Protein backbone atom coordinates (compact mmCIF):
# COMPACT_ATOMS: atom_id res chain seq x y z
CA UNK A 1 -24.58 0.76 -21.66
CA UNK A 2 -25.01 -2.52 -22.43
CA UNK A 3 -22.59 -3.77 -25.11
CA UNK A 4 -22.04 -7.49 -26.76
CA UNK A 5 -19.84 -9.72 -25.22
CA UNK A 6 -16.98 -12.58 -27.98
CA UNK A 7 -19.66 -15.33 -26.59
CA UNK A 8 -22.60 -13.37 -27.63
CA UNK A 9 -23.85 -12.95 -24.11
CA UNK A 10 -25.19 -9.22 -22.96
CA UNK A 11 -22.55 -7.57 -20.89
CA UNK A 12 -23.37 -4.41 -18.68
CA UNK A 13 -21.08 -2.51 -16.64
CA UNK A 14 -18.10 -4.59 -17.88
CA UNK A 15 -19.77 -7.46 -16.12
CA UNK A 16 -21.48 -10.78 -18.28
CA UNK A 17 -24.50 -11.63 -16.48
CA UNK A 18 -24.56 -15.56 -15.02
CA UNK A 19 -27.10 -17.36 -13.89
CA UNK A 20 -28.46 -17.67 -10.46
CA UNK A 21 -27.37 -19.10 -7.31
CA UNK A 22 -29.06 -22.75 -7.58
CA UNK A 23 -28.78 -26.32 -5.38
CA UNK A 24 -26.72 -28.84 -6.36
CA UNK A 25 -26.46 -31.22 -4.77
CA UNK A 26 -27.10 -30.30 -0.84
CA UNK A 27 -24.13 -27.49 -0.90
CA UNK A 28 -25.40 -23.85 -2.61
CA UNK A 29 -23.55 -23.10 -5.70
CA UNK A 30 -22.01 -19.68 -5.99
CA UNK A 31 -23.03 -17.48 -9.10
CA UNK A 32 -19.69 -17.31 -11.65
CA UNK A 33 -18.19 -13.54 -11.27
CA UNK A 34 -15.03 -12.53 -13.69
CA UNK A 35 -14.57 -8.71 -13.56
CA UNK A 36 -10.88 -6.41 -14.21
CA UNK A 37 -9.58 -5.19 -10.72
CA UNK A 38 -6.58 -4.23 -9.53
CA UNK A 39 -4.60 -6.30 -6.07
CA UNK A 40 -3.42 -3.04 -3.97
CA UNK A 41 -0.27 -2.94 -2.45
CA UNK A 42 0.35 -0.65 0.30
CA UNK A 43 -0.50 3.11 -1.00
CA UNK A 44 1.83 2.90 -4.01
CA UNK A 45 1.94 -0.65 -6.21
CA UNK A 46 -0.33 -2.29 -7.76
CA UNK A 47 -1.45 -5.28 -10.58
CA UNK A 48 -3.81 -5.40 -12.64
CA UNK A 49 -5.68 -8.65 -13.78
CA UNK A 50 -9.28 -10.37 -13.84
CA UNK A 51 -10.96 -11.79 -10.38
CA UNK A 52 -12.67 -14.59 -10.61
CA UNK A 53 -15.28 -16.87 -8.67
CA UNK A 54 -16.41 -20.18 -10.64
CA UNK A 55 -17.28 -23.17 -8.96
CA UNK A 56 -16.49 -22.65 -5.57
CA UNK A 57 -13.19 -20.82 -6.50
CA UNK A 58 -11.80 -17.76 -5.53
CA UNK A 59 -8.63 -16.55 -7.80
CA UNK A 60 -7.33 -13.47 -9.69
CA UNK A 61 -4.83 -13.66 -11.84
CA UNK A 62 -2.65 -10.74 -13.14
CA UNK A 63 -1.47 -9.44 -16.18
CA UNK A 64 1.92 -8.68 -15.65
CA UNK A 65 2.06 -5.88 -18.13
CA UNK A 66 -0.56 -4.45 -15.60
CA UNK A 67 2.36 -4.47 -12.69
CA UNK A 68 2.64 -0.76 -11.10
CA UNK A 69 4.26 1.30 -8.22
CA UNK A 70 7.01 3.05 -7.28
CA UNK A 71 10.65 1.10 -7.55
CA UNK A 72 12.00 1.93 -4.56
CA UNK A 73 9.64 0.25 -3.29
CA UNK A 74 7.47 -1.81 -5.88
CA UNK A 75 10.29 -5.06 -5.09
CA UNK A 76 9.43 -5.19 -1.53
CA UNK A 77 5.79 -4.91 -1.98
CA UNK A 78 5.96 -7.25 -4.55
CA UNK A 79 7.98 -10.19 -1.76
CA UNK A 80 5.02 -9.07 0.78
CA UNK A 81 2.73 -10.04 -2.24
CA UNK A 82 4.37 -13.65 -3.01
CA UNK A 83 4.17 -14.33 0.92
CA UNK A 84 0.78 -13.25 1.49
CA UNK A 85 -0.77 -15.62 -1.24
CA UNK A 86 2.07 -17.86 -0.37
CA UNK A 87 3.42 -18.45 -3.96
CA UNK A 88 7.22 -18.61 -3.83
CA UNK A 89 8.80 -16.89 -7.66
CA UNK A 90 5.33 -15.09 -7.54
CA UNK A 91 7.34 -11.91 -7.13
CA UNK A 92 10.44 -12.18 -9.69
CA UNK A 93 7.53 -13.56 -11.98
CA UNK A 94 5.77 -11.22 -12.31
CA UNK A 95 8.53 -7.97 -11.69
CA UNK A 96 10.45 -10.54 -15.00
CA UNK A 97 8.02 -10.62 -17.27
CA UNK A 98 6.69 -7.08 -16.48
CA UNK A 99 10.00 -5.85 -17.28
CA UNK A 100 10.44 -7.93 -20.25
CA UNK A 101 6.46 -7.02 -21.26
CA UNK A 102 5.66 -10.45 -20.64
CA UNK A 103 1.72 -10.34 -20.36
CA UNK A 104 1.74 -14.17 -19.88
CA UNK A 105 -0.56 -14.45 -16.58
CA UNK A 106 0.12 -15.27 -13.75
CA UNK A 107 -1.76 -17.36 -10.90
CA UNK A 108 -1.26 -15.46 -7.75
CA UNK A 109 -3.66 -17.31 -5.40
CA UNK A 110 -6.67 -19.80 -6.50
CA UNK A 111 -8.79 -21.33 -2.97
CA UNK A 112 -11.89 -22.98 -2.71
CA UNK A 113 -14.79 -20.44 -1.41
CA UNK A 114 -14.02 -22.36 2.43
CA UNK A 115 -10.64 -20.47 3.09
CA UNK A 116 -12.13 -17.13 2.23
CA UNK A 117 -12.84 -15.43 5.46
CA UNK A 118 -14.21 -12.29 5.39
CA UNK A 119 -15.41 -10.03 2.91
CA UNK A 120 -15.93 -6.66 4.01
CA UNK A 121 -16.89 -3.89 1.21
CA UNK A 122 -15.08 -0.50 3.45
CA UNK A 123 -17.95 2.71 2.30
CA UNK A 124 -14.69 4.96 1.24
CA UNK A 125 -13.70 2.49 -1.66
CA UNK A 126 -17.41 3.92 -2.89
CA UNK A 127 -18.53 0.45 -4.14
CA UNK A 128 -14.86 0.52 -6.84
CA UNK A 129 -13.66 -1.57 -4.84
CA UNK A 130 -13.30 -4.90 -1.80
CA UNK A 131 -11.22 -6.65 1.14
CA UNK A 132 -11.38 -10.58 0.66
CA UNK A 133 -9.47 -12.30 3.95
CA UNK A 134 -7.71 -15.37 2.32
CA UNK A 135 -5.78 -17.74 4.47
CA UNK A 136 -4.77 -15.79 7.47
CA UNK A 137 -3.81 -12.80 4.05
CA UNK A 138 -6.13 -9.55 3.46
CA UNK A 139 -6.10 -8.75 -0.45
CA UNK A 140 -7.71 -5.36 -1.21
CA UNK A 141 -9.03 -4.76 -5.08
CA UNK A 142 -10.05 -1.76 -6.98
CA UNK A 143 -12.55 -2.22 -9.89
CA UNK A 144 -11.05 0.23 -11.16
CA UNK A 145 -8.06 1.04 -12.15
CA UNK A 146 -5.50 3.70 -9.49
CA UNK A 147 -3.47 6.43 -10.01
CA UNK A 148 -0.33 4.87 -10.45
CA UNK A 149 -0.98 2.53 -13.30
CA UNK A 150 -2.26 4.91 -15.54
CA UNK A 151 0.78 7.21 -18.36
CA UNK A 152 1.02 10.39 -16.61
CA UNK A 153 -0.15 12.66 -19.56
CA UNK A 154 -3.40 10.26 -20.64
CA UNK A 155 -6.97 11.63 -21.24
CA UNK A 156 -7.49 8.31 -18.44
CA UNK A 157 -4.50 9.81 -15.73
CA UNK A 158 -5.96 13.48 -16.43
CA UNK A 159 -9.90 12.45 -15.30
CA UNK A 160 -9.92 8.72 -16.90
CA UNK A 161 -13.21 8.16 -18.41
CA UNK A 162 -17.52 8.41 -16.75
CA UNK A 163 -16.97 4.53 -18.22
CA UNK A 164 -15.01 3.70 -16.50
CA UNK A 165 -16.77 4.60 -12.87
CA UNK A 166 -19.95 2.96 -13.42
CA UNK A 167 -17.96 -0.23 -14.80
CA UNK A 168 -15.65 -0.22 -11.42
CA UNK A 169 -19.39 -0.25 -9.48
CA UNK A 170 -21.10 -2.52 -11.23
CA UNK A 171 -18.20 -5.31 -10.60
CA UNK A 172 -18.46 -4.05 -6.53
CA UNK A 173 -22.60 -4.61 -6.81
CA UNK A 174 -21.51 -8.13 -8.69
CA UNK A 175 -19.35 -9.30 -5.80
CA UNK A 176 -21.83 -7.91 -3.50
CA UNK A 177 -24.57 -9.53 -4.96
CA UNK A 178 -22.25 -12.70 -5.12
CA UNK A 179 -20.66 -12.94 -1.66
CA UNK A 180 -21.47 -10.29 0.36
CA UNK A 181 -19.99 -9.30 3.65
CA UNK A 182 -18.96 -12.45 5.47
């Protein structure tokens, strides 16, 4: 199903199509990609937000209200994320804003593509996720909302919508086309 975004552009599978890869000067410019994603932490934690490739930079901006996890482990998972992202104060910012219901975005990382190492699209993610190596850390992303981020008893908790699967697969294809395995 095709929709229109706020700026009138056609949206396919939750991804706004962007101009194709072009040559600017002597270097190749990656096509911009922006999608909703969940940064996976351990087995039980996740942080929702926006994963974006724009002007040669890869970034993930978290939405604190989308922090989910099992309370005994969540604090440790957020501190581990803070270390991996090399962002002092990140764990506190995410947990505080999540606790008070704040939706102010928190930048987890924003790095030039030169700092992005291996990009894998594991078969066991079935096209719904990817793993990026940024500096010396690996970040796992899902393009469909993880079970731990769904409210128990809600319709999405029981099965979700088929549209979510199509949107997640579309995001996976867009990221594979933009960066592919490196």
